[in-house]
Amino acid sequence: MTDFSALYQKHAAEVFRFAVYLTGNQGDAEDITSETFVRVWTSSRHVDMATVRAYLFTIARNLYLQGLRRSKHQRQLQDTMPDGSPDPHLRAQHRAELHSVMERLQGLPEVDRTALLMRALENSPYEEIAKALGISVAAAKVKVHRARLTLAKEGKLL
């Protein structure tokens, strides 16, 4: 890899945001993001820049899954998430809505949640989602569709 700093600058925020939505915890997301880039830095494998996002998301997801296996349970989401809205009533309403969406996201199967987040938040192509999850493109489309339907039934669609 020629310029690790440029790679980090370009993708760190995306990996962090992805990790926050996977874990529901800012501290865990920071750890996953750091460890993701440490693994890329120390890897002896050549990183294909054409698929680097999928590679980074795959590492982050695997780190998240390793953490789940170690802890044997999912943690509760924190009630506070940063919100830049100045109106306290609007902030409270947004916080409640965000908590509700995060709670429903955590209720989705992990692979469905990952596919939906990659598509909805990162605008990842289905091919990239399929590669990151080790599934077919058709399966990636089905997982995103079913996750959206599940959330839509509960009133919120990503």
Protein backbone atom coordinates (compact mmCIF):
# COMPACT_ATOMS: atom_id res chain seq x y z
CA MET A 1 0.00 0.00 0.00
CA THR A 2 1.50 3.30 -1.00
CA ASP A 3 -0.19 5.83 1.26
CA PHE A 4 -1.74 4.49 4.45
CA SER A 5 -2.42 8.03 5.72
CA ALA A 6 -4.54 8.84 2.67
CA LEU A 7 -6.40 5.55 3.05
CA TYR A 8 -7.13 6.33 6.69
CA GLN A 9 -8.21 9.92 5.95
CA LYS A 10 -10.56 8.77 3.21
CA HIS A 11 -12.24 5.82 4.96
CA ALA A 12 -11.90 6.18 8.75
CA ALA A 13 -15.14 8.13 9.17
CA GLU A 14 -17.09 5.58 7.09
CA VAL A 15 -15.67 2.65 9.04
CA PHE A 16 -16.41 4.40 12.34
CA ARG A 17 -20.00 5.22 11.35
CA PHE A 18 -20.51 1.62 10.22
CA ALA A 19 -19.06 0.33 13.51
CA VAL A 20 -21.29 2.64 15.58
CA TYR A 21 -24.40 1.28 13.89
CA LEU A 22 -23.19 -2.29 14.29
CA THR A 23 -22.33 -1.97 17.98
CA GLY A 24 -24.58 0.83 19.19
CA ASN A 25 -21.64 2.01 21.30
CA GLN A 26 -19.21 4.81 20.45
CA GLY A 27 -16.33 3.39 22.49
CA ASP A 28 -16.61 -0.04 20.87
CA ALA A 29 -16.86 1.61 17.45
CA GLU A 30 -13.65 3.57 18.11
CA ASP A 31 -11.89 0.34 19.09
CA ILE A 32 -13.15 -1.50 16.01
CA THR A 33 -12.13 1.38 13.73
CA SER A 34 -8.64 1.53 15.22
CA GLU A 35 -8.17 -2.23 15.06
CA THR A 36 -9.44 -2.32 11.46
CA PHE A 37 -6.75 0.08 10.31
CA VAL A 38 -4.07 -1.62 12.43
CA ARG A 39 -4.88 -4.87 10.66
CA VAL A 40 -4.66 -3.23 7.25
CA TRP A 41 -1.36 -1.58 8.23
CA THR A 42 0.19 -4.85 9.46
CA SER A 43 -1.28 -7.10 6.77
CA SER A 44 1.10 -8.77 4.38
CA ARG A 45 -1.70 -9.04 1.81
CA HIS A 46 -1.92 -6.58 -1.05
CA VAL A 47 -4.95 -4.32 -0.70
CA ASP A 48 -6.88 -3.84 -3.91
CA MET A 49 -7.85 -0.18 -3.90
CA ALA A 50 -10.86 -0.92 -6.12
CA THR A 51 -12.46 -2.96 -3.32
CA VAL A 52 -10.84 -1.35 -0.28
CA ARG A 53 -14.17 -0.24 1.27
CA ALA A 54 -15.56 -3.76 1.20
CA TYR A 55 -12.28 -5.01 2.66
CA LEU A 56 -12.40 -2.46 5.50
CA PHE A 57 -16.07 -3.19 6.24
CA THR A 58 -15.34 -6.91 6.24
CA ILE A 59 -12.55 -6.45 8.79
CA ALA A 60 -14.76 -4.19 10.95
CA ARG A 61 -17.64 -6.66 10.81
CA ASN A 62 -15.37 -9.58 11.69
CA LEU A 63 -13.99 -7.65 14.66
CA TYR A 64 -17.55 -6.93 15.79
CA LEU A 65 -18.48 -10.61 15.48
CA GLN A 66 -15.34 -11.64 17.40
CA GLY A 67 -16.38 -9.27 20.17
CA LEU A 68 -19.86 -10.83 20.26
CA ARG A 69 -18.39 -14.30 20.52
CA ARG A 70 -16.14 -13.18 23.37
CA SER A 71 -18.89 -11.49 25.33
CA LYS A 72 -21.62 -14.03 24.41
CA HIS A 73 -24.27 -11.31 24.51
CA GLN A 74 -25.18 -8.03 22.91
CA ARG A 75 -24.94 -4.89 24.98
CA GLN A 76 -27.78 -2.49 25.51
CA LEU A 77 -27.66 0.69 23.46
CA GLN A 78 -26.76 3.87 25.25
CA ASP A 79 -29.61 6.31 25.71
CA THR A 80 -27.53 9.28 24.63
CA MET A 81 -26.34 9.88 21.11
CA PRO A 82 -24.89 13.22 20.00
CA ASP A 83 -27.40 15.50 18.24
CA GLY A 84 -26.64 19.01 17.01
CA SER A 85 -30.22 20.31 17.24
CA PRO A 86 -30.47 23.46 19.40
CA ASP A 87 -34.12 22.99 20.48
CA PRO A 88 -34.26 20.77 23.61
CA HIS A 89 -37.77 19.47 22.83
CA LEU A 90 -36.81 18.60 19.29
CA ARG A 91 -33.59 17.02 20.57
CA ALA A 92 -35.56 14.86 23.01
CA GLN A 93 -37.94 13.78 20.26
CA HIS A 94 -35.07 12.97 17.88
CA ARG A 95 -33.24 11.09 20.62
CA ALA A 96 -36.32 8.97 21.31
CA GLU A 97 -36.76 8.26 17.60
CA LEU A 98 -33.08 7.41 17.21
CA HIS A 99 -33.19 5.11 20.23
CA SER A 100 -36.26 3.39 18.78
CA VAL A 101 -34.63 2.89 15.36
CA MET A 102 -31.36 1.69 16.93
CA GLU A 103 -33.31 -0.74 19.10
CA ARG A 104 -35.15 -2.13 16.08
CA LEU A 105 -31.88 -2.33 14.12
CA GLN A 106 -30.34 -4.34 16.94
CA GLY A 107 -33.32 -6.70 16.71
CA LEU A 108 -32.51 -7.58 13.09
CA PRO A 109 -30.28 -10.57 12.42
CA GLU A 110 -26.68 -9.37 12.28
CA VAL A 111 -26.11 -10.17 8.61
CA ASP A 112 -29.36 -8.40 7.60
CA ARG A 113 -28.44 -5.37 9.72
CA THR A 114 -24.98 -5.24 8.15
CA ALA A 115 -26.37 -5.45 4.60
CA LEU A 116 -28.96 -2.74 5.30
CA LEU A 117 -26.44 -0.40 6.93
CA MET A 118 -23.94 -0.80 4.12
CA ARG A 119 -26.65 -0.02 1.56
CA ALA A 120 -28.58 2.72 3.38
CA LEU A 121 -25.79 4.59 5.16
CA GLU A 122 -22.77 3.99 2.98
CA ASN A 123 -24.62 3.66 -0.36
CA SER A 124 -22.56 0.54 -1.05
CA PRO A 125 -23.35 -1.30 -4.27
CA TYR A 126 -24.91 -4.73 -3.84
CA GLU A 127 -21.76 -6.32 -5.28
CA GLU A 128 -19.69 -4.75 -2.47
CA ILE A 129 -22.20 -5.87 0.16
CA ALA A 130 -22.18 -9.40 -1.22
CA LYS A 131 -18.39 -9.53 -1.19
CA ALA A 132 -18.15 -8.17 2.37
CA LEU A 133 -20.71 -10.68 3.66
CA GLY A 134 -19.58 -13.63 1.56
CA ILE A 135 -22.98 -14.08 -0.08
CA SER A 136 -24.37 -13.77 -3.61
CA VAL A 137 -25.51 -10.44 -5.03
CA ALA A 138 -29.09 -11.76 -5.14
CA ALA A 139 -28.90 -12.74 -1.46
CA ALA A 140 -27.56 -9.27 -0.59
CA LYS A 141 -30.53 -7.67 -2.37
CA VAL A 142 -32.96 -9.96 -0.55
CA LYS A 143 -31.38 -9.22 2.84
CA VAL A 144 -31.59 -5.44 2.32
CA HIS A 145 -35.17 -5.70 1.07
CA ARG A 146 -36.31 -7.89 3.97
CA ALA A 147 -34.61 -5.68 6.54
CA ARG A 148 -36.32 -2.61 5.08
CA LEU A 149 -39.69 -4.40 5.13
CA THR A 150 -39.18 -5.39 8.76
CA LEU A 151 -38.37 -1.80 9.76
CA ALA A 152 -41.20 -0.41 7.62
CA LYS A 153 -43.72 -2.62 9.44
CA GLU A 154 -42.61 -0.92 12.63
CA GLY A 155 -42.96 2.58 11.19
CA LYS A 156 -39.39 3.57 10.30
CA LEU A 157 -37.68 2.90 7.00
CA LEU A 158 -34.00 3.50 6.24
